[in-house]
Amino acid sequence: MPILTEKEFSKHVGTKFHTRLGDREVDLTLAEVKTYMPTAAEQGKMERFSLFFDGPADSFLPQQSLEMHHEAMGDFDIFLVPISNEENVLRYEAVFNFFTR
């Protein structure tokens, strides 16, 4: 299983990730990795970030967990939420919050 960290995803901004919608393959481009800085009230040793993917307007992916594939990162599951539809591009977000070691 690939390491799903902000550092690892940041290496792949601008590249294609592949998933399936029924019997059709859908390519999503990793458009942005956004870091969330901890506040003083939060527990330490947390990794918090969001991924933003752009996909084709003709292949709407509903909010759900999807099997993803990336040439360098391999196969993994990710929970995507559609957040906008602008200029024939659907944008999706995946949010990560987890304790680091």
Protein backbone atom coordinates (compact mmCIF):
# COMPACT_ATOMS: atom_id res chain seq x y z
CA MET A 1 0.00 0.00 0.00
CA PRO A 2 1.35 3.46 -0.86
CA ILE A 3 2.18 6.06 1.76
CA LEU A 4 -0.67 8.58 1.66
CA THR A 5 1.00 11.69 3.09
CA GLU A 6 1.03 15.32 2.09
CA LYS A 7 4.69 15.02 1.13
CA GLU A 8 4.04 12.05 -1.17
CA PHE A 9 1.00 13.57 -2.89
CA SER A 10 2.83 16.89 -3.35
CA LYS A 11 5.33 15.10 -5.60
CA HIS A 12 2.49 14.26 -8.00
CA VAL A 13 0.64 17.58 -8.46
CA GLY A 14 -0.31 17.92 -12.13
CA THR A 15 -0.33 14.16 -12.77
CA LYS A 16 -3.20 11.79 -13.57
CA PHE A 17 -4.95 9.50 -11.13
CA HIS A 18 -7.32 6.88 -12.53
CA THR A 19 -10.62 5.55 -11.16
CA ARG A 20 -13.72 3.88 -12.60
CA LEU A 21 -17.30 5.02 -13.04
CA GLY A 22 -19.20 1.85 -13.84
CA ASP A 23 -17.38 0.30 -16.78
CA ARG A 24 -15.69 3.56 -17.78
CA GLU A 25 -12.25 4.76 -16.67
CA VAL A 26 -12.12 8.36 -15.42
CA ASP A 27 -8.87 10.33 -15.23
CA LEU A 28 -8.51 12.93 -12.49
CA THR A 29 -5.66 15.43 -12.33
CA LEU A 30 -4.23 16.30 -8.92
CA ALA A 31 -4.55 20.08 -9.08
CA GLU A 32 -3.54 21.13 -5.57
CA VAL A 33 -2.39 19.88 -2.16
CA LYS A 34 -3.42 22.24 0.65
CA THR A 35 -1.82 22.10 4.10
CA TYR A 36 -3.72 22.96 7.27
CA MET A 37 -1.50 24.37 9.96
CA PRO A 38 -2.31 23.29 13.52
CA THR A 39 -3.72 25.78 15.99
CA ALA A 40 -2.64 26.03 19.62
CA ALA A 41 -5.85 24.26 20.76
CA GLU A 42 -5.25 21.17 18.60
CA GLN A 43 -3.46 18.00 19.54
CA GLY A 44 0.06 17.74 18.22
CA LYS A 45 1.49 15.17 15.84
CA MET A 46 -1.41 15.43 13.40
CA GLU A 47 -1.11 15.51 9.64
CA ARG A 48 -3.93 17.51 8.05
CA PHE A 49 -4.25 18.30 4.37
CA SER A 50 -6.66 18.33 1.44
CA LEU A 51 -6.23 17.12 -2.11
CA PHE A 52 -8.05 18.81 -4.98
CA PHE A 53 -8.62 16.85 -8.17
CA ASP A 54 -9.98 18.11 -11.49
CA GLY A 55 -12.02 15.77 -13.65
CA PRO A 56 -14.03 15.87 -16.88
CA ALA A 57 -17.47 17.50 -16.76
CA ASP A 58 -19.07 14.52 -18.51
CA SER A 59 -18.08 12.02 -15.77
CA PHE A 60 -19.64 13.15 -12.48
CA LEU A 61 -18.40 11.11 -9.53
CA PRO A 62 -20.79 11.16 -6.55
CA GLN A 63 -19.47 11.49 -3.00
CA GLN A 64 -18.02 8.08 -2.18
CA SER A 65 -14.92 5.99 -1.61
CA LEU A 66 -13.20 5.16 -4.87
CA GLU A 67 -10.43 2.84 -5.89
CA MET A 68 -7.66 4.98 -7.34
CA HIS A 69 -4.57 4.12 -9.33
CA HIS A 70 -1.48 6.24 -9.95
CA GLU A 71 1.51 5.14 -12.00
CA ALA A 72 4.02 6.03 -9.25
CA MET A 73 1.90 5.63 -6.10
CA GLY A 74 0.08 2.41 -6.98
CA ASP A 75 -3.46 1.47 -5.90
CA PHE A 76 -5.38 2.85 -2.93
CA ASP A 77 -8.88 3.86 -1.83
CA ILE A 78 -9.82 7.49 -1.28
CA PHE A 79 -13.03 9.28 -0.25
CA LEU A 80 -13.84 12.04 -2.76
CA VAL A 81 -16.44 14.78 -2.49
CA PRO A 82 -17.54 16.87 -5.49
CA ILE A 83 -17.14 20.55 -4.58
CA SER A 84 -17.56 22.58 -7.79
CA ASN A 85 -18.34 22.56 -11.49
CA GLU A 86 -16.66 25.40 -13.38
CA GLU A 87 -15.58 25.81 -17.00
CA ASN A 88 -16.32 22.18 -17.93
CA VAL A 89 -14.20 20.86 -15.06
CA LEU A 90 -15.54 19.08 -12.00
CA ARG A 91 -13.45 19.59 -8.86
CA TYR A 92 -13.25 17.05 -6.06
CA GLU A 93 -11.75 17.19 -2.58
CA ALA A 94 -10.29 14.52 -0.32
CA VAL A 95 -9.51 15.51 3.28
CA PHE A 96 -6.89 13.75 5.39
CA ASN A 97 -6.58 13.98 9.19
CA PHE A 98 -4.43 11.44 11.00
CA PHE A 99 -1.91 11.06 13.81
CA THR A 100 1.72 10.79 12.80
CA ARG A 101 4.15 8.54 14.59
